[in-house]
Amino acid sequence: MRRVAVMLRAVNVGGQALKMADFKALLADEGFEAPETLLASGNAVVGTALDAADVEARVAQALSARLGLVTDVFVRDAGELQAVIAANPFDDFAREAPGKLMAVFLKGEPPKDLSGFDKYATQGEQVAPGPRCLYVAYPQGVGRSKLAGARTEASKGTARNWNTVGKLAERLG
């Protein structure tokens, strides 16, 4: 059995409420081994013999059926999270401002052409592709960024700040 990180999109923002105790119980009820949640933003680490696509489907179906919550689910194993960390093109920024660097986890590979983001990157923000993710540096923070909304529309994924990426990777070992 291997451990994987389970990340939910848009939970506890914009009206999609989910108590982490309920999420943890749901994961246990679905047969995942030793579920642990991290923060209140829809992160968990579980043991499973299922492949990532099956974990995503099972969790999404259970959330919808049992809690009425419809959201995308993203799964990464330890190797995949380590690859995201290793490929980070913004190492210095990650050390200086880890809360302002996001890894946006995607279902597939990032778009080849990222030039569409340029017109929204008005505060020194930068976007770079990674392994099934985008890296987005927000020097002024995400709160007032025009890029955050544009990124959401152009590449549906779930964003985690660099601190959270590191904590998930640590929990996976």
N, C-alpha and C. Protein backbone atom coordinates (compact mmCIF):
# COMPACT_ATOMS: atom_id res chain seq x y z
N MET A 1 0.84 -1.18 0.00
CA MET A 1 0.00 0.00 0.00
C MET A 1 0.89 1.24 0.00
N ARG A 2 0.54 2.20 -0.82
CA ARG A 2 1.32 3.43 -0.89
C ARG A 2 0.49 4.59 -0.36
N ARG A 3 1.19 5.67 0.00
CA ARG A 3 0.52 6.87 0.49
C ARG A 3 0.44 7.88 -0.65
N VAL A 4 -0.69 8.57 -0.72
CA VAL A 4 -0.89 9.60 -1.74
C VAL A 4 -1.51 10.83 -1.10
N ALA A 5 -1.27 11.97 -1.72
CA ALA A 5 -1.91 13.22 -1.32
C ALA A 5 -3.18 13.37 -2.14
N VAL A 6 -4.26 13.74 -1.46
CA VAL A 6 -5.55 13.99 -2.09
C VAL A 6 -5.85 15.47 -1.88
N MET A 7 -6.08 16.20 -2.98
CA MET A 7 -6.34 17.64 -2.90
C MET A 7 -7.65 17.95 -3.60
N LEU A 8 -8.51 18.68 -2.91
CA LEU A 8 -9.80 19.05 -3.46
C LEU A 8 -9.73 20.48 -4.00
N ARG A 9 -10.46 20.72 -5.08
CA ARG A 9 -10.49 22.06 -5.68
C ARG A 9 -11.59 22.89 -5.05
N ALA A 10 -11.26 24.13 -4.72
CA ALA A 10 -12.23 25.15 -4.31
C ALA A 10 -13.07 24.74 -3.11
N VAL A 11 -12.42 24.18 -2.11
CA VAL A 11 -13.13 23.80 -0.88
C VAL A 11 -12.89 24.87 0.18
N ASN A 12 -13.93 25.20 0.89
CA ASN A 12 -13.93 26.21 1.94
C ASN A 12 -13.60 27.60 1.41
N VAL A 13 -13.93 27.80 0.14
CA VAL A 13 -13.92 29.12 -0.50
C VAL A 13 -15.15 29.17 -1.41
N GLY A 14 -15.73 30.32 -1.55
CA GLY A 14 -16.84 30.47 -2.48
C GLY A 14 -18.06 29.61 -2.18
N GLY A 15 -18.30 29.32 -0.93
CA GLY A 15 -19.51 28.59 -0.56
C GLY A 15 -19.40 27.08 -0.55
N GLN A 16 -18.27 26.52 -0.91
CA GLN A 16 -18.07 25.07 -0.89
C GLN A 16 -17.49 24.68 0.46
N ALA A 17 -18.33 24.52 1.47
CA ALA A 17 -17.85 24.23 2.82
C ALA A 17 -17.69 22.73 3.05
N LEU A 18 -16.61 22.38 3.72
CA LEU A 18 -16.36 20.99 4.09
C LEU A 18 -15.53 20.98 5.37
N LYS A 19 -16.06 20.37 6.39
CA LYS A 19 -15.29 20.21 7.63
C LYS A 19 -14.28 19.10 7.41
N MET A 20 -13.05 19.34 7.84
CA MET A 20 -12.00 18.35 7.62
C MET A 20 -12.28 17.06 8.40
N ALA A 21 -12.97 17.14 9.52
CA ALA A 21 -13.34 15.92 10.24
C ALA A 21 -14.29 15.07 9.39
N ASP A 22 -15.19 15.72 8.65
CA ASP A 22 -16.10 14.99 7.76
C ASP A 22 -15.34 14.39 6.58
N PHE A 23 -14.37 15.13 6.07
CA PHE A 23 -13.55 14.64 4.97
C PHE A 23 -12.75 13.41 5.41
N LYS A 24 -12.14 13.50 6.56
CA LYS A 24 -11.35 12.39 7.10
C LYS A 24 -12.23 11.15 7.31
N ALA A 25 -13.42 11.34 7.88
CA ALA A 25 -14.34 10.22 8.10
C ALA A 25 -14.78 9.60 6.78
N LEU A 26 -15.06 10.43 5.79
CA LEU A 26 -15.46 9.93 4.48
C LEU A 26 -14.35 9.07 3.88
N LEU A 27 -13.11 9.54 3.98
CA LEU A 27 -11.98 8.78 3.44
C LEU A 27 -11.84 7.43 4.14
N ALA A 28 -11.99 7.43 5.45
CA ALA A 28 -11.91 6.17 6.20
C ALA A 28 -13.04 5.23 5.79
N ASP A 29 -14.24 5.77 5.67
CA ASP A 29 -15.40 4.96 5.29
C ASP A 29 -15.25 4.38 3.89
N GLU A 30 -14.52 5.07 3.04
CA GLU A 30 -14.29 4.60 1.67
C GLU A 30 -13.15 3.58 1.58
N GLY A 31 -12.57 3.24 2.72
CA GLY A 31 -11.55 2.20 2.75
C GLY A 31 -10.12 2.68 2.61
N PHE A 32 -9.90 3.97 2.65
CA PHE A 32 -8.53 4.46 2.58
C PHE A 32 -7.87 4.29 3.94
N GLU A 33 -6.61 3.91 3.91
CA GLU A 33 -5.88 3.59 5.14
C GLU A 33 -5.31 4.85 5.81
N ALA A 34 -5.51 4.95 7.10
CA ALA A 34 -4.93 6.00 7.95
C ALA A 34 -5.04 7.40 7.35
N PRO A 35 -6.25 7.86 7.02
CA PRO A 35 -6.37 9.19 6.46
C PRO A 35 -5.99 10.28 7.46
N GLU A 36 -5.27 11.28 6.97
CA GLU A 36 -4.92 12.46 7.76
C GLU A 36 -5.27 13.66 6.90
N THR A 37 -5.83 14.69 7.52
CA THR A 37 -6.07 15.92 6.78
C THR A 37 -5.01 16.94 7.14
N LEU A 38 -4.85 17.91 6.27
CA LEU A 38 -3.87 18.98 6.48
C LEU A 38 -4.54 20.30 6.14
N LEU A 39 -4.57 21.21 7.11
CA LEU A 39 -5.20 22.51 6.97
C LEU A 39 -6.69 22.35 6.69
N ALA A 40 -7.36 23.43 6.38
CA ALA A 40 -8.81 23.38 6.15
C ALA A 40 -9.16 23.60 4.69
N SER A 41 -8.22 23.31 3.81
CA SER A 41 -8.44 23.62 2.39
C SER A 41 -8.59 22.38 1.52
N GLY A 42 -8.97 21.26 2.11
CA GLY A 42 -9.23 20.07 1.32
C GLY A 42 -8.00 19.27 0.95
N ASN A 43 -7.10 19.10 1.90
CA ASN A 43 -5.90 18.29 1.69
C ASN A 43 -5.94 17.08 2.61
N ALA A 44 -5.54 15.94 2.08
CA ALA A 44 -5.44 14.74 2.91
C ALA A 44 -4.32 13.87 2.38
N VAL A 45 -3.85 12.99 3.24
CA VAL A 45 -2.89 11.96 2.87
C VAL A 45 -3.51 10.64 3.29
N VAL A 46 -3.52 9.68 2.37
CA VAL A 46 -4.14 8.38 2.64
C VAL A 46 -3.28 7.25 2.10
N GLY A 47 -3.51 6.05 2.64
CA GLY A 47 -2.90 4.86 2.09
C GLY A 47 -3.89 4.18 1.16
N THR A 48 -3.39 3.65 0.04
CA THR A 48 -4.28 3.01 -0.93
C THR A 48 -3.49 2.09 -1.85
N ALA A 49 -4.18 1.10 -2.38
CA ALA A 49 -3.61 0.25 -3.42
C ALA A 49 -4.15 0.67 -4.79
N LEU A 50 -5.10 1.61 -4.81
CA LEU A 50 -5.71 2.08 -6.05
C LEU A 50 -4.77 3.00 -6.81
N ASP A 51 -4.96 3.08 -8.13
CA ASP A 51 -4.19 4.07 -8.88
C ASP A 51 -4.83 5.44 -8.70
N ALA A 52 -4.11 6.47 -9.10
CA ALA A 52 -4.54 7.85 -8.86
C ALA A 52 -5.92 8.14 -9.45
N ALA A 53 -6.17 7.71 -10.68
CA ALA A 53 -7.46 7.98 -11.31
C ALA A 53 -8.60 7.34 -10.53
N ASP A 54 -8.39 6.14 -10.01
CA ASP A 54 -9.43 5.47 -9.22
C ASP A 54 -9.66 6.17 -7.89
N VAL A 55 -8.59 6.66 -7.26
CA VAL A 55 -8.74 7.42 -6.02
C VAL A 55 -9.54 8.69 -6.29
N GLU A 56 -9.17 9.41 -7.36
CA GLU A 56 -9.88 10.64 -7.70
C GLU A 56 -11.37 10.38 -7.92
N ALA A 57 -11.68 9.34 -8.69
CA ALA A 57 -13.07 9.02 -8.99
C ALA A 57 -13.84 8.60 -7.73
N ARG A 58 -13.23 7.77 -6.92
CA ARG A 58 -13.90 7.28 -5.71
C ARG A 58 -14.18 8.42 -4.73
N VAL A 59 -13.19 9.29 -4.52
CA VAL A 59 -13.37 10.41 -3.59
C VAL A 59 -14.41 11.38 -4.14
N ALA A 60 -14.34 11.72 -5.42
CA ALA A 60 -15.31 12.65 -6.02
C ALA A 60 -16.72 12.10 -5.90
N GLN A 61 -16.88 10.81 -6.18
CA GLN A 61 -18.21 10.20 -6.11
C GLN A 61 -18.73 10.20 -4.67
N ALA A 62 -17.89 9.87 -3.72
CA ALA A 62 -18.31 9.82 -2.31
C ALA A 62 -18.66 11.22 -1.80
N LEU A 63 -17.88 12.22 -2.17
CA LEU A 63 -18.18 13.59 -1.75
C LEU A 63 -19.54 14.03 -2.29
N SER A 64 -19.80 13.71 -3.53
CA SER A 64 -21.07 14.08 -4.14
C SER A 64 -22.24 13.33 -3.52
N ALA A 65 -22.10 12.01 -3.42
CA ALA A 65 -23.21 11.18 -2.94
C ALA A 65 -23.50 11.40 -1.45
N ARG A 66 -22.47 11.51 -0.66
CA ARG A 66 -22.67 11.57 0.80
C ARG A 66 -22.79 12.98 1.35
N LEU A 67 -22.09 13.92 0.73
CA LEU A 67 -22.07 15.27 1.30
C LEU A 67 -22.63 16.33 0.36
N GLY A 68 -23.01 15.94 -0.85
CA GLY A 68 -23.55 16.89 -1.81
C GLY A 68 -22.53 17.89 -2.32
N LEU A 69 -21.27 17.54 -2.21
CA LEU A 69 -20.18 18.43 -2.63
C LEU A 69 -19.62 17.96 -3.97
N VAL A 70 -19.74 18.80 -4.98
CA VAL A 70 -19.22 18.47 -6.30
C VAL A 70 -17.96 19.31 -6.53
N THR A 71 -16.83 18.62 -6.64
CA THR A 71 -15.56 19.31 -6.86
C THR A 71 -14.58 18.36 -7.52
N ASP A 72 -13.56 18.93 -8.12
CA ASP A 72 -12.50 18.11 -8.72
C ASP A 72 -11.54 17.64 -7.64
N VAL A 73 -11.01 16.43 -7.86
CA VAL A 73 -10.09 15.81 -6.93
C VAL A 73 -8.77 15.56 -7.67
N PHE A 74 -7.67 15.90 -7.02
CA PHE A 74 -6.34 15.73 -7.61
C PHE A 74 -5.50 14.87 -6.67
N VAL A 75 -4.83 13.86 -7.22
CA VAL A 75 -4.01 12.94 -6.42
C VAL A 75 -2.58 12.96 -6.93
N ARG A 76 -1.65 13.02 -5.99
CA ARG A 76 -0.22 12.92 -6.33
C ARG A 76 0.46 12.02 -5.31
N ASP A 77 1.40 11.20 -5.78
CA ASP A 77 2.18 10.38 -4.86
C ASP A 77 3.47 11.10 -4.49
N ALA A 78 4.27 10.48 -3.65
CA ALA A 78 5.50 11.12 -3.16
C ALA A 78 6.43 11.49 -4.30
N GLY A 79 6.61 10.59 -5.26
CA GLY A 79 7.50 10.87 -6.39
C GLY A 79 7.02 12.04 -7.22
N GLU A 80 5.72 12.12 -7.43
CA GLU A 80 5.18 13.23 -8.21
C GLU A 80 5.35 14.57 -7.49
N LEU A 81 5.11 14.59 -6.18
CA LEU A 81 5.31 15.83 -5.42
C LEU A 81 6.79 16.21 -5.40
N GLN A 82 7.67 15.23 -5.27
CA GLN A 82 9.10 15.53 -5.29
C GLN A 82 9.52 16.08 -6.66
N ALA A 83 8.92 15.57 -7.72
CA ALA A 83 9.22 16.08 -9.07
C ALA A 83 8.77 17.54 -9.21
N VAL A 84 7.62 17.87 -8.64
CA VAL A 84 7.14 19.26 -8.66
C VAL A 84 8.11 20.16 -7.90
N ILE A 85 8.55 19.70 -6.75
CA ILE A 85 9.50 20.48 -5.95
C ILE A 85 10.83 20.65 -6.69
N ALA A 86 11.32 19.57 -7.27
CA ALA A 86 12.61 19.61 -7.96
C ALA A 86 12.59 20.49 -9.21
N ALA A 87 11.46 20.56 -9.89
CA ALA A 87 11.38 21.31 -11.14
C ALA A 87 11.02 22.79 -10.94
N ASN A 88 10.83 23.22 -9.71
CA ASN A 88 10.44 24.59 -9.43
C ASN A 88 11.42 25.59 -10.04
N PRO A 89 10.95 26.43 -10.97
CA PRO A 89 11.84 27.41 -11.59
C PRO A 89 12.03 28.67 -10.74
N PHE A 90 11.32 28.76 -9.62
CA PHE A 90 11.36 29.95 -8.78
C PHE A 90 11.94 29.62 -7.40
N ASP A 91 13.08 28.93 -7.37
CA ASP A 91 13.68 28.50 -6.10
C ASP A 91 13.92 29.64 -5.12
N ASP A 92 14.53 30.71 -5.59
CA ASP A 92 14.82 31.84 -4.70
C ASP A 92 13.54 32.42 -4.13
N PHE A 93 12.55 32.61 -4.98
CA PHE A 93 11.26 33.15 -4.54
C PHE A 93 10.61 32.21 -3.53
N ALA A 94 10.72 30.90 -3.76
CA ALA A 94 10.14 29.91 -2.84
C ALA A 94 10.75 30.03 -1.45
N ARG A 95 12.05 30.29 -1.39
CA ARG A 95 12.71 30.45 -0.09
C ARG A 95 12.32 31.77 0.58
N GLU A 96 12.19 32.82 -0.22
CA GLU A 96 11.90 34.16 0.31
C GLU A 96 10.43 34.35 0.68
N ALA A 97 9.52 33.81 -0.14
CA ALA A 97 8.09 34.06 0.06
C ALA A 97 7.28 32.82 -0.29
N PRO A 98 7.44 31.72 0.45
CA PRO A 98 6.76 30.48 0.09
C PRO A 98 5.23 30.57 0.09
N GLY A 99 4.68 31.50 0.84
CA GLY A 99 3.23 31.67 0.85
C GLY A 99 2.70 32.38 -0.38
N LYS A 100 3.60 32.93 -1.20
CA LYS A 100 3.19 33.66 -2.40
C LYS A 100 3.54 32.91 -3.68
N LEU A 101 4.07 31.70 -3.54
CA LEU A 101 4.34 30.85 -4.69
C LEU A 101 3.33 29.71 -4.66
N MET A 102 2.64 29.52 -5.78
CA MET A 102 1.63 28.48 -5.89
C MET A 102 2.04 27.41 -6.89
N ALA A 103 1.72 26.18 -6.53
CA ALA A 103 1.75 25.10 -7.51
C ALA A 103 0.29 24.83 -7.82
N VAL A 104 -0.07 24.96 -9.08
CA VAL A 104 -1.45 24.71 -9.51
C VAL A 104 -1.46 23.31 -10.13
N PHE A 105 -2.02 22.36 -9.40
CA PHE A 105 -2.05 20.98 -9.87
C PHE A 105 -3.14 20.82 -10.90
N LEU A 106 -2.80 20.16 -12.01
CA LEU A 106 -3.69 19.99 -13.15
C LEU A 106 -3.98 18.52 -13.39
N LYS A 107 -5.03 18.24 -14.14
CA LYS A 107 -5.34 16.86 -14.52
C LYS A 107 -4.37 16.35 -15.59
N GLY A 108 -3.93 17.22 -16.45
CA GLY A 108 -3.00 16.84 -17.51
C GLY A 108 -1.82 17.76 -17.52
N GLU A 109 -1.14 17.79 -18.64
CA GLU A 109 0.02 18.66 -18.78
C GLU A 109 -0.44 20.11 -18.93
N PRO A 110 0.39 21.06 -18.52
CA PRO A 110 0.02 22.47 -18.65
C PRO A 110 -0.02 22.89 -20.12
N PRO A 111 -0.72 23.97 -20.39
CA PRO A 111 -0.74 24.46 -21.78
C PRO A 111 0.67 24.78 -22.26
N LYS A 112 0.92 24.53 -23.53
CA LYS A 112 2.25 24.82 -24.09
C LYS A 112 2.47 26.33 -24.20
N ASP A 113 1.43 27.05 -24.54
CA ASP A 113 1.54 28.49 -24.73
C ASP A 113 0.95 29.19 -23.50
N LEU A 114 1.81 29.82 -22.73
CA LEU A 114 1.39 30.53 -21.52
C LEU A 114 1.28 32.04 -21.75
N SER A 115 1.46 32.48 -22.99
CA SER A 115 1.46 33.92 -23.27
C SER A 115 0.11 34.57 -22.95
N GLY A 116 -0.97 33.83 -22.94
CA GLY A 116 -2.28 34.39 -22.60
C GLY A 116 -2.35 34.93 -21.19
N PHE A 117 -1.45 34.47 -20.32
CA PHE A 117 -1.43 34.96 -18.95
C PHE A 117 -0.75 36.32 -18.82
N ASP A 118 0.08 36.67 -19.81
CA ASP A 118 0.90 37.87 -19.73
C ASP A 118 0.10 39.14 -19.46
N LYS A 119 -1.04 39.29 -20.13
CA LYS A 119 -1.81 40.53 -19.97
C LYS A 119 -2.41 40.66 -18.57
N TYR A 120 -2.50 39.57 -17.83
CA TYR A 120 -3.05 39.61 -16.47
C TYR A 120 -1.96 39.72 -15.40
N ALA A 121 -0.73 39.45 -15.78
CA ALA A 121 0.39 39.46 -14.83
C ALA A 121 0.88 40.89 -14.66
N THR A 122 0.14 41.68 -13.88
CA THR A 122 0.40 43.11 -13.79
C THR A 122 1.20 43.52 -12.56
N GLN A 123 1.45 42.61 -11.66
CA GLN A 123 2.15 42.96 -10.41
C GLN A 123 3.46 42.19 -10.28
N GLY A 124 4.13 41.97 -11.40
CA GLY A 124 5.38 41.22 -11.38
C GLY A 124 5.17 39.72 -11.27
N GLU A 125 3.96 39.29 -11.51
CA GLU A 125 3.66 37.85 -11.40
C GLU A 125 4.28 37.10 -12.57
N GLN A 126 4.58 35.84 -12.32
CA GLN A 126 5.16 34.99 -13.35
C GLN A 126 4.49 33.62 -13.32
N VAL A 127 4.39 33.01 -14.49
CA VAL A 127 3.81 31.67 -14.63
C VAL A 127 4.81 30.81 -15.40
N ALA A 128 5.00 29.59 -14.93
CA ALA A 128 5.89 28.66 -15.61
C ALA A 128 5.27 27.26 -15.57
N PRO A 129 5.53 26.45 -16.60
CA PRO A 129 5.00 25.09 -16.61
C PRO A 129 5.84 24.15 -15.76
N GLY A 130 5.19 23.09 -15.28
CA GLY A 130 5.86 22.06 -14.52
C GLY A 130 5.22 20.71 -14.80
N PRO A 131 5.62 19.68 -14.07
CA PRO A 131 5.05 18.35 -14.29
C PRO A 131 3.59 18.29 -13.80
N ARG A 132 2.67 18.32 -14.74
CA ARG A 132 1.22 18.33 -14.47
C ARG A 132 0.85 19.44 -13.50
N CYS A 133 1.51 20.58 -13.65
CA CYS A 133 1.23 21.73 -12.81
C CYS A 133 1.69 23.00 -13.49
N LEU A 134 1.25 24.10 -12.92
CA LEU A 134 1.80 25.41 -13.24
C LEU A 134 2.39 25.97 -11.96
N TYR A 135 3.47 26.70 -12.09
CA TYR A 135 4.03 27.44 -10.97
C TYR A 135 3.61 28.89 -11.18
N VAL A 136 3.08 29.51 -10.14
CA VAL A 136 2.67 30.91 -10.26
C VAL A 136 3.24 31.68 -9.08
N ALA A 137 4.07 32.66 -9.40
CA ALA A 137 4.68 33.52 -8.38
C ALA A 137 3.88 34.81 -8.30
N TYR A 138 3.39 35.13 -7.10
CA TYR A 138 2.61 36.33 -6.84
C TYR A 138 3.37 37.22 -5.86
N PRO A 139 4.31 38.05 -6.33
CA PRO A 139 5.10 38.87 -5.41
C PRO A 139 4.27 39.77 -4.50
N GLN A 140 3.11 40.24 -4.97
CA GLN A 140 2.25 41.11 -4.17
C GLN A 140 1.12 40.33 -3.49
N GLY A 141 1.14 39.01 -3.60
CA GLY A 141 0.08 38.18 -3.02
C GLY A 141 -1.01 37.89 -4.03
N VAL A 142 -1.84 36.92 -3.70
CA VAL A 142 -2.90 36.47 -4.60
C VAL A 142 -4.14 37.35 -4.51
N GLY A 143 -4.38 37.93 -3.36
CA GLY A 143 -5.63 38.61 -3.05
C GLY A 143 -6.20 39.53 -4.10
N ARG A 144 -5.39 40.41 -4.66
CA ARG A 144 -5.88 41.39 -5.63
C ARG A 144 -5.38 41.11 -7.04
N SER A 145 -4.82 39.98 -7.24
CA SER A 145 -4.22 39.65 -8.53
C SER A 145 -5.28 39.38 -9.60
N LYS A 146 -5.08 39.98 -10.76
CA LYS A 146 -5.93 39.69 -11.92
C LYS A 146 -5.55 38.33 -12.50
N LEU A 147 -4.31 37.95 -12.30
CA LEU A 147 -3.80 36.69 -12.83
C LEU A 147 -4.49 35.50 -12.19
N ALA A 148 -4.81 35.59 -10.91
CA ALA A 148 -5.43 34.45 -10.21
C ALA A 148 -6.73 34.04 -10.89
N GLY A 149 -7.58 35.00 -11.23
CA GLY A 149 -8.83 34.69 -11.92
C GLY A 149 -8.62 34.17 -13.32
N ALA A 150 -7.70 34.77 -14.04
CA ALA A 150 -7.40 34.34 -15.40
C ALA A 150 -6.84 32.92 -15.40
N ARG A 151 -5.97 32.63 -14.44
CA ARG A 151 -5.37 31.31 -14.35
C ARG A 151 -6.44 30.27 -14.10
N THR A 152 -7.40 30.59 -13.25
CA THR A 152 -8.46 29.65 -12.92
C THR A 152 -9.28 29.31 -14.16
N GLU A 153 -9.58 30.31 -14.97
CA GLU A 153 -10.38 30.08 -16.17
C GLU A 153 -9.62 29.30 -17.23
N ALA A 154 -8.34 29.59 -17.40
CA ALA A 154 -7.57 29.01 -18.49
C ALA A 154 -7.07 27.60 -18.19
N SER A 155 -6.84 27.30 -16.94
CA SER A 155 -6.28 25.99 -16.61
C SER A 155 -6.87 25.53 -15.29
N LYS A 156 -7.94 24.79 -15.40
CA LYS A 156 -8.67 24.33 -14.22
C LYS A 156 -7.80 23.38 -13.41
N GLY A 157 -7.52 23.77 -12.22
CA GLY A 157 -6.70 22.97 -11.34
C GLY A 157 -6.96 23.37 -9.91
N THR A 158 -6.10 22.95 -9.03
CA THR A 158 -6.20 23.36 -7.64
C THR A 158 -4.85 23.87 -7.18
N ALA A 159 -4.84 25.06 -6.60
CA ALA A 159 -3.59 25.71 -6.21
C ALA A 159 -3.27 25.44 -4.75
N ARG A 160 -1.99 25.21 -4.48
CA ARG A 160 -1.48 25.08 -3.12
C ARG A 160 -0.24 25.94 -3.01
N ASN A 161 -0.13 26.68 -1.91
CA ASN A 161 1.07 27.48 -1.76
C ASN A 161 2.25 26.56 -1.44
N TRP A 162 3.45 27.12 -1.59
CA TRP A 162 4.66 26.31 -1.48
C TRP A 162 4.81 25.68 -0.10
N ASN A 163 4.36 26.36 0.94
CA ASN A 163 4.40 25.76 2.28
C ASN A 163 3.58 24.48 2.32
N THR A 164 2.38 24.51 1.75
CA THR A 164 1.50 23.34 1.75
C THR A 164 2.07 22.22 0.90
N VAL A 165 2.65 22.55 -0.25
CA VAL A 165 3.28 21.53 -1.09
C VAL A 165 4.35 20.80 -0.28
N GLY A 166 5.17 21.56 0.43
CA GLY A 166 6.22 20.96 1.25
C GLY A 166 5.67 20.08 2.36
N LYS A 167 4.62 20.54 3.02
CA LYS A 167 4.02 19.75 4.11
C LYS A 167 3.41 18.45 3.58
N LEU A 168 2.76 18.51 2.42
CA LEU A 168 2.21 17.28 1.84
C LEU A 168 3.33 16.31 1.48
N ALA A 169 4.39 16.83 0.88
CA ALA A 169 5.53 15.98 0.51
C ALA A 169 6.15 15.35 1.76
N GLU A 170 6.29 16.11 2.83
CA GLU A 170 6.84 15.58 4.09
C GLU A 170 5.99 14.43 4.61
N ARG A 171 4.68 14.62 4.57
CA ARG A 171 3.78 13.58 5.10
C ARG A 171 3.83 12.31 4.28
N LEU A 172 4.19 12.44 3.00
CA LEU A 172 4.29 11.25 2.15
C LEU A 172 5.64 10.56 2.32
N GLY A 173 6.59 11.27 2.91
CA GLY A 173 7.89 10.66 3.20
C GLY A 173 8.90 10.76 2.10
